[in-house]
Amino acid sequence: MRICVIENSEDLARYFVDHTHGIDVDVFPVWKDPVFPHDDYDAYVLTGDYHNISDGLLPFHETELEFIDTVRGKRIFASCFAHQLVARRFGGKVGKRELRLLGWHPALVKEPHPVFKGIGKKPYFLSLNGDEVTRKPASARVLATNPDCSFQILLYDDILTCQAHPEILYDDAISIMRKHRARLADRCPDMDDLIRQTAIFANDNASRRFMRNVMEWLLA
């Protein structure tokens, strides 16, 4: 069984690869070389992106929209930016948030699904988004919502998308917040206070279990 990871920005694929124990994985860094795979993989993962959809799509993003069509019938998991890109592909709308959603926030489970097995009905995952889905596509079912993000996890038959970053664990999240502080500080609460308090809600166990469930779902 093989999974292909479409990497939309530098160094984002590794957070998914860390959850693929025993699974063959190939990474396509399309941000650097806009070459997409054929449909000969068993499943696909689309990563986040440091770019915002509200700032306009780059040429390789337009190709990615077409790529989603070429692999229909295969299962896909899409995170953050890719969650928004999939929503846009199926007729939803994406817009800029007034304030960035940053730190650990709950995913309030609304509909049962195998990816929630063993994590309860209110897991906390990392959020880093400045944009969000403002209108979901008619074909999408809402699996989980959030007090500050109505469309947290969506399902379109064989495509599962998540606004948050369950693939990123606490230590990496803190590193990302510090490394990209200037970018993330735009339209967000006090960064120092956020970094101090985020450990209260960070839950690596929930993230690991969710991602293990995602991998099992992708290859089922």
C-alpha atoms as a PDB file:
ATOM      1  CA  MET A   1       0.000   0.000   0.000  1.00  0.00           C
ATOM      2  CA  ARG A   2       1.365   3.412  -0.947  1.00  0.00           C
ATOM      3  CA  ILE A   3       0.384   6.940   0.053  1.00  0.00           C
ATOM      4  CA  CYS A   4       1.390  10.063  -1.841  1.00  0.00           C
ATOM      5  CA  VAL A   5       1.839  13.357   0.023  1.00  0.00           C
ATOM      6  CA  ILE A   6       1.367  16.549  -2.001  1.00  0.00           C
ATOM      7  CA  GLU A   7       3.506  19.140  -0.209  1.00  0.00           C
ATOM      8  CA  ASN A   8       2.267  22.693  -0.745  1.00  0.00           C
ATOM      9  CA  SER A   9       4.956  24.524   1.228  1.00  0.00           C
ATOM     10  CA  GLU A  10       8.469  23.714   2.345  1.00  0.00           C
ATOM     11  CA  ASP A  11       8.913  21.122   5.115  1.00  0.00           C
ATOM     12  CA  LEU A  12       5.184  20.456   5.673  1.00  0.00           C
ATOM     13  CA  ALA A  13       5.118  16.861   4.394  1.00  0.00           C
ATOM     14  CA  ARG A  14       7.278  15.526   7.211  1.00  0.00           C
ATOM     15  CA  TYR A  15       4.546  16.103   9.803  1.00  0.00           C
ATOM     16  CA  PHE A  16       2.400  13.587   7.908  1.00  0.00           C
ATOM     17  CA  VAL A  17       5.253  11.187   7.172  1.00  0.00           C
ATOM     18  CA  ASP A  18       5.849  10.957  10.936  1.00  0.00           C
ATOM     19  CA  HIS A  19       2.422   9.262  11.215  1.00  0.00           C
ATOM     20  CA  THR A  20       2.896   6.718   8.420  1.00  0.00           C
ATOM     21  CA  HIS A  21       4.747   3.960  10.277  1.00  0.00           C
ATOM     22  CA  GLY A  22       5.015   0.862   8.103  1.00  0.00           C
ATOM     23  CA  ILE A  23       3.414   2.569   5.082  1.00  0.00           C
ATOM     24  CA  ASP A  24       5.283   3.367   1.869  1.00  0.00           C
ATOM     25  CA  VAL A  25       5.163   7.123   1.270  1.00  0.00           C
ATOM     26  CA  ASP A  26       6.270   9.316  -1.620  1.00  0.00           C
ATOM     27  CA  VAL A  27       6.397  13.108  -1.313  1.00  0.00           C
ATOM     28  CA  PHE A  28       5.781  15.473  -4.226  1.00  0.00           C
ATOM     29  CA  PRO A  29       7.049  18.980  -3.264  1.00  0.00           C
ATOM     30  CA  VAL A  30       4.845  20.832  -5.750  1.00  0.00           C
ATOM     31  CA  TRP A  31       5.725  24.213  -4.189  1.00  0.00           C
ATOM     32  CA  LYS A  32       9.224  23.728  -5.604  1.00  0.00           C
ATOM     33  CA  ASP A  33       8.589  21.535  -8.650  1.00  0.00           C
ATOM     34  CA  PRO A  34       4.941  21.640  -9.823  1.00  0.00           C
ATOM     35  CA  VAL A  35       4.832  18.024 -10.990  1.00  0.00           C
ATOM     36  CA  PHE A  36       1.867  16.014  -9.737  1.00  0.00           C
ATOM     37  CA  PRO A  37       1.663  12.210  -9.551  1.00  0.00           C
ATOM     38  CA  HIS A  38      -0.530   9.906 -11.571  1.00  0.00           C
ATOM     39  CA  ASP A  39      -3.425   8.031  -9.998  1.00  0.00           C
ATOM     40  CA  ASP A  40      -1.386   4.900  -9.239  1.00  0.00           C
ATOM     41  CA  TYR A  41      -1.218   5.493  -5.467  1.00  0.00           C
ATOM     42  CA  ASP A  42      -3.660   3.940  -3.023  1.00  0.00           C
ATOM     43  CA  ALA A  43      -4.403   7.248  -1.282  1.00  0.00           C
ATOM     44  CA  TYR A  44      -3.309  10.884  -1.156  1.00  0.00           C
ATOM     45  CA  VAL A  45      -2.584  13.563   1.432  1.00  0.00           C
ATOM     46  CA  LEU A  46      -2.676  17.292   0.636  1.00  0.00           C
ATOM     47  CA  THR A  47      -0.742  19.443   3.107  1.00  0.00           C
ATOM     48  CA  GLY A  48      -1.293  22.953   4.343  1.00  0.00           C
ATOM     49  CA  ASP A  49       0.434  25.967   2.827  1.00  0.00           C
ATOM     50  CA  TYR A  50       1.955  29.181   4.181  1.00  0.00           C
ATOM     51  CA  HIS A  51       0.086  30.966   1.380  1.00  0.00           C
ATOM     52  CA  ASN A  52      -3.505  32.183   1.894  1.00  0.00           C
ATOM     53  CA  ILE A  53      -6.260  31.425  -0.597  1.00  0.00           C
ATOM     54  CA  SER A  54      -7.679  34.915   0.015  1.00  0.00           C
ATOM     55  CA  ASP A  55      -4.438  36.324  -1.436  1.00  0.00           C
ATOM     56  CA  GLY A  56      -5.070  34.495  -4.726  1.00  0.00           C
ATOM     57  CA  LEU A  57      -4.059  31.064  -5.983  1.00  0.00           C
ATOM     58  CA  LEU A  58      -0.606  30.404  -7.398  1.00  0.00           C
ATOM     59  CA  PRO A  59      -0.274  28.498 -10.694  1.00  0.00           C
ATOM     60  CA  PHE A  60       0.487  25.164  -9.006  1.00  0.00           C
ATOM     61  CA  HIS A  61      -2.634  25.580  -6.828  1.00  0.00           C
ATOM     62  CA  GLU A  62      -4.714  25.800  -9.998  1.00  0.00           C
ATOM     63  CA  THR A  63      -3.075  22.573 -11.169  1.00  0.00           C
ATOM     64  CA  GLU A  64      -3.857  21.019  -7.786  1.00  0.00           C
ATOM     65  CA  LEU A  65      -7.539  21.759  -8.286  1.00  0.00           C
ATOM     66  CA  GLU A  66      -7.366  19.771 -11.530  1.00  0.00           C
ATOM     67  CA  PHE A  67      -5.345  17.034  -9.812  1.00  0.00           C
ATOM     68  CA  ILE A  68      -8.144  16.483  -7.277  1.00  0.00           C
ATOM     69  CA  ASP A  69     -10.370  15.493 -10.200  1.00  0.00           C
ATOM     70  CA  THR A  70      -7.817  13.084 -11.678  1.00  0.00           C
ATOM     71  CA  VAL A  71      -7.697  10.934  -8.529  1.00  0.00           C
ATOM     72  CA  ARG A  72     -11.421  10.776  -7.767  1.00  0.00           C
ATOM     73  CA  GLY A  73     -12.287   7.360  -6.421  1.00  0.00           C
ATOM     74  CA  LYS A  74      -9.104   7.288  -4.319  1.00  0.00           C
ATOM     75  CA  ARG A  75      -9.252   8.510  -0.742  1.00  0.00           C
ATOM     76  CA  ILE A  76      -7.756  11.905   0.107  1.00  0.00           C
ATOM     77  CA  PHE A  77      -7.013  13.649   3.406  1.00  0.00           C
ATOM     78  CA  ALA A  78      -6.552  17.426   3.145  1.00  0.00           C
ATOM     79  CA  SER A  79      -5.313  19.750   5.895  1.00  0.00           C
ATOM     80  CA  CYS A  80      -5.814  23.502   6.511  1.00  0.00           C
ATOM     81  CA  PHE A  81      -5.087  25.308   3.203  1.00  0.00           C
ATOM     82  CA  ALA A  82      -5.935  22.118   1.286  1.00  0.00           C
ATOM     83  CA  HIS A  83      -9.171  21.815   3.303  1.00  0.00           C
ATOM     84  CA  GLN A  84     -10.086  25.226   1.908  1.00  0.00           C
ATOM     85  CA  LEU A  85      -8.866  24.359  -1.585  1.00  0.00           C
ATOM     86  CA  VAL A  86     -11.083  21.258  -1.708  1.00  0.00           C
ATOM     87  CA  ALA A  87     -14.059  23.309  -0.485  1.00  0.00           C
ATOM     88  CA  ARG A  88     -13.434  25.826  -3.249  1.00  0.00           C
ATOM     89  CA  ARG A  89     -13.184  23.030  -5.830  1.00  0.00           C
ATOM     90  CA  PHE A  90     -16.663  21.760  -4.893  1.00  0.00           C
ATOM     91  CA  GLY A  91     -18.384  25.131  -4.849  1.00  0.00           C
ATOM     92  CA  GLY A  92     -17.733  26.431  -1.347  1.00  0.00           C
ATOM     93  CA  LYS A  93     -16.403  29.855  -0.414  1.00  0.00           C
ATOM     94  CA  VAL A  94     -13.221  30.784   1.448  1.00  0.00           C
ATOM     95  CA  GLY A  95     -12.559  34.128   3.128  1.00  0.00           C
ATOM     96  CA  LYS A  96     -10.125  35.890   5.411  1.00  0.00           C
ATOM     97  CA  ARG A  97     -10.850  35.715   9.141  1.00  0.00           C
ATOM     98  CA  GLU A  98     -11.036  38.934  11.134  1.00  0.00           C
ATOM     99  CA  LEU A  99      -8.585  37.411  13.626  1.00  0.00           C
ATOM    100  CA  ARG A 100      -6.252  34.478  12.989  1.00  0.00           C
ATOM    101  CA  LEU A 101      -7.267  31.216  14.677  1.00  0.00           C
ATOM    102  CA  LEU A 102      -4.061  30.174  16.406  1.00  0.00           C
ATOM    103  CA  GLY A 103      -3.279  27.577  19.066  1.00  0.00           C
ATOM    104  CA  TRP A 104      -5.169  24.492  20.248  1.00  0.00           C
ATOM    105  CA  HIS A 105      -8.920  24.549  19.728  1.00  0.00           C
ATOM    106  CA  PRO A 106     -11.560  21.818  20.135  1.00  0.00           C
ATOM    107  CA  ALA A 107     -13.087  19.871  17.288  1.00  0.00           C
ATOM    108  CA  LEU A 108     -16.670  19.267  18.399  1.00  0.00           C
ATOM    109  CA  VAL A 109     -17.704  15.976  16.800  1.00  0.00           C
ATOM    110  CA  LYS A 110     -21.159  16.178  15.194  1.00  0.00           C
ATOM    111  CA  GLU A 111     -21.279  12.927  13.241  1.00  0.00           C
ATOM    112  CA  PRO A 112     -19.568   9.577  13.974  1.00  0.00           C
ATOM    113  CA  HIS A 113     -16.756   8.479  11.695  1.00  0.00           C
ATOM    114  CA  PRO A 114     -13.870   5.965  12.041  1.00  0.00           C
ATOM    115  CA  VAL A 115     -11.300   8.785  12.317  1.00  0.00           C
ATOM    116  CA  PHE A 116     -12.731   9.730  15.726  1.00  0.00           C
ATOM    117  CA  LYS A 117     -12.289   6.268  17.237  1.00  0.00           C
ATOM    118  CA  GLY A 118     -10.688   6.467  20.667  1.00  0.00           C
ATOM    119  CA  ILE A 119     -10.384  10.264  20.908  1.00  0.00           C
ATOM    120  CA  GLY A 120     -13.750  11.283  22.369  1.00  0.00           C
ATOM    121  CA  LYS A 121     -16.115  13.964  21.131  1.00  0.00           C
ATOM    122  CA  LYS A 122     -13.955  17.011  21.850  1.00  0.00           C
ATOM    123  CA  PRO A 123     -10.320  16.506  20.778  1.00  0.00           C
ATOM    124  CA  TYR A 124      -8.037  19.536  20.663  1.00  0.00           C
ATOM    125  CA  PHE A 125      -5.936  20.134  17.542  1.00  0.00           C
ATOM    126  CA  LEU A 126      -3.531  22.886  16.487  1.00  0.00           C
ATOM    127  CA  SER A 127      -4.941  25.730  14.368  1.00  0.00           C
ATOM    128  CA  LEU A 128      -2.817  28.199  12.377  1.00  0.00           C
ATOM    129  CA  ASN A 129      -5.299  29.605   9.893  1.00  0.00           C
ATOM    130  CA  GLY A 130      -5.901  33.139   8.703  1.00  0.00           C
ATOM    131  CA  ASP A 131      -8.530  32.039   6.164  1.00  0.00           C
ATOM    132  CA  GLU A 132     -11.473  29.683   6.617  1.00  0.00           C
ATOM    133  CA  VAL A 133     -14.330  28.081   4.724  1.00  0.00           C
ATOM    134  CA  THR A 134     -17.184  30.580   4.995  1.00  0.00           C
ATOM    135  CA  ARG A 135     -19.714  28.554   2.993  1.00  0.00           C
ATOM    136  CA  LYS A 136     -19.466  24.797   2.731  1.00  0.00           C
ATOM    137  CA  PRO A 137     -20.178  22.990  -0.534  1.00  0.00           C
ATOM    138  CA  ALA A 138     -23.581  21.319  -0.722  1.00  0.00           C
ATOM    139  CA  SER A 139     -21.873  17.940  -1.150  1.00  0.00           C
ATOM    140  CA  ALA A 140     -19.903  18.242   2.114  1.00  0.00           C
ATOM    141  CA  ARG A 141     -21.054  16.764   5.420  1.00  0.00           C
ATOM    142  CA  VAL A 142     -19.918  18.503   8.615  1.00  0.00           C
ATOM    143  CA  LEU A 143     -18.229  15.895  10.825  1.00  0.00           C
ATOM    144  CA  ALA A 144     -16.913  18.383  13.371  1.00  0.00           C
ATOM    145  CA  THR A 145     -17.284  22.065  14.102  1.00  0.00           C
ATOM    146  CA  ASN A 146     -15.697  24.574  16.467  1.00  0.00           C
ATOM    147  CA  PRO A 147     -16.944  27.638  18.404  1.00  0.00           C
ATOM    148  CA  ASP A 148     -14.642  29.775  16.236  1.00  0.00           C
ATOM    149  CA  CYS A 149     -14.723  27.722  13.018  1.00  0.00           C
ATOM    150  CA  SER A 150     -18.048  26.347  11.794  1.00  0.00           C
ATOM    151  CA  PHE A 151     -16.581  23.927   9.245  1.00  0.00           C
ATOM    152  CA  GLN A 152     -13.727  22.243  11.102  1.00  0.00           C
ATOM    153  CA  ILE A 153     -13.864  18.744   9.544  1.00  0.00           C
ATOM    154  CA  LEU A 154     -15.737  17.988   6.316  1.00  0.00           C
ATOM    155  CA  LEU A 155     -16.380  14.780   4.393  1.00  0.00           C
ATOM    156  CA  TYR A 156     -17.047  14.467   0.660  1.00  0.00           C
ATOM    157  CA  ASP A 157     -17.466  10.728   0.137  1.00  0.00           C
ATOM    158  CA  ASP A 158     -13.800   9.678  -0.317  1.00  0.00           C
ATOM    159  CA  ILE A 159     -12.290  13.057   0.618  1.00  0.00           C
ATOM    160  CA  LEU A 160     -11.816  14.014   4.278  1.00  0.00           C
ATOM    161  CA  THR A 161     -10.669  17.542   5.084  1.00  0.00           C
ATOM    162  CA  CYS A 162      -9.691  19.270   8.315  1.00  0.00           C
ATOM    163  CA  GLN A 163      -9.153  22.978   8.971  1.00  0.00           C
ATOM    164  CA  ALA A 164      -6.828  22.257  11.898  1.00  0.00           C
ATOM    165  CA  HIS A 165      -3.419  20.551  11.883  1.00  0.00           C
ATOM    166  CA  PRO A 166      -3.812  17.270  13.802  1.00  0.00           C
ATOM    167  CA  GLU A 167      -0.602  16.106  12.103  1.00  0.00           C
ATOM    168  CA  ILE A 168       1.490  18.670  14.040  1.00  0.00           C
ATOM    169  CA  LEU A 169       2.446  17.796  17.614  1.00  0.00           C
ATOM    170  CA  TYR A 170       3.181  20.198  20.467  1.00  0.00           C
ATOM    171  CA  ASP A 171       6.983  20.576  20.204  1.00  0.00           C
ATOM    172  CA  ASP A 172       6.828  21.144  16.449  1.00  0.00           C
ATOM    173  CA  ALA A 173       3.949  23.589  16.898  1.00  0.00           C
ATOM    174  CA  ILE A 174       5.946  25.734  19.318  1.00  0.00           C
ATOM    175  CA  SER A 175       8.883  25.672  16.903  1.00  0.00           C
ATOM    176  CA  ILE A 176       6.604  26.773  14.040  1.00  0.00           C
ATOM    177  CA  MET A 177       5.119  29.615  16.102  1.00  0.00           C
ATOM    178  CA  ARG A 178       8.582  30.917  16.941  1.00  0.00           C
ATOM    179  CA  LYS A 179      10.088  30.457  13.477  1.00  0.00           C
ATOM    180  CA  HIS A 180       7.120  32.071  11.688  1.00  0.00           C
ATOM    181  CA  ARG A 181       6.280  34.538  14.440  1.00  0.00           C
ATOM    182  CA  ALA A 182       6.123  37.620  12.195  1.00  0.00           C
ATOM    183  CA  ARG A 183       3.747  35.965   9.716  1.00  0.00           C
ATOM    184  CA  LEU A 184       1.499  34.382  12.350  1.00  0.00           C
ATOM    185  CA  ALA A 185       1.354  37.540  14.486  1.00  0.00           C
ATOM    186  CA  ASP A 186      -0.737  39.249  11.807  1.00  0.00           C
ATOM    187  CA  ARG A 187      -4.306  39.538  13.129  1.00  0.00           C
ATOM    188  CA  CYS A 188      -3.688  37.259  16.110  1.00  0.00           C
ATOM    189  CA  PRO A 189      -3.715  37.562  19.928  1.00  0.00           C
ATOM    190  CA  ASP A 190      -0.537  38.141  21.917  1.00  0.00           C
ATOM    191  CA  MET A 191       1.962  35.504  20.744  1.00  0.00           C
ATOM    192  CA  ASP A 192       3.931  35.211  23.997  1.00  0.00           C
ATOM    193  CA  ASP A 193       0.793  34.649  26.033  1.00  0.00           C
ATOM    194  CA  LEU A 194      -0.475  32.139  23.479  1.00  0.00           C
ATOM    195  CA  ILE A 195       2.755  30.121  23.571  1.00  0.00           C
ATOM    196  CA  ARG A 196       2.682  30.062  27.389  1.00  0.00           C
ATOM    197  CA  GLN A 197      -0.928  28.905  27.598  1.00  0.00           C
ATOM    198  CA  THR A 198      -1.098  26.525  24.656  1.00  0.00           C
ATOM    199  CA  ALA A 199       0.372  23.615  26.640  1.00  0.00           C
ATOM    200  CA  ILE A 200      -2.847  23.547  28.690  1.00  0.00           C
ATOM    201  CA  PHE A 201      -4.824  22.301  25.693  1.00  0.00           C
ATOM    202  CA  ALA A 202      -2.215  20.606  23.490  1.00  0.00           C
ATOM    203  CA  ASN A 203      -2.932  16.891  23.288  1.00  0.00           C
ATOM    204  CA  ASP A 204      -0.371  14.862  21.380  1.00  0.00           C
ATOM    205  CA  ASN A 205      -2.149  11.612  22.240  1.00  0.00           C
ATOM    206  CA  ALA A 206      -5.368  12.768  20.555  1.00  0.00           C
ATOM    207  CA  SER A 207      -3.425  14.005  17.524  1.00  0.00           C
ATOM    208  CA  ARG A 208      -1.486  10.756  17.181  1.00  0.00           C
ATOM    209  CA  ARG A 209      -4.612   8.615  17.518  1.00  0.00           C
ATOM    210  CA  PHE A 210      -6.559  10.757  15.063  1.00  0.00           C
ATOM    211  CA  MET A 211      -3.775  10.574  12.480  1.00  0.00           C
ATOM    212  CA  ARG A 212      -3.434   6.817  12.967  1.00  0.00           C
ATOM    213  CA  ASN A 213      -7.171   6.554  12.336  1.00  0.00           C
ATOM    214  CA  VAL A 214      -6.803   8.756   9.241  1.00  0.00           C
ATOM    215  CA  MET A 215      -4.095   6.506   7.826  1.00  0.00           C
ATOM    216  CA  GLU A 216      -6.209   3.416   8.451  1.00  0.00           C
ATOM    217  CA  TRP A 217      -9.199   5.101   6.796  1.00  0.00           C
ATOM    218  CA  LEU A 218      -7.126   6.157   3.783  1.00  0.00           C
ATOM    219  CA  LEU A 219      -5.992   2.599   3.144  1.00  0.00           C
ATOM    220  CA  ALA A 220      -9.196   0.773   4.106  1.00  0.00           C
END
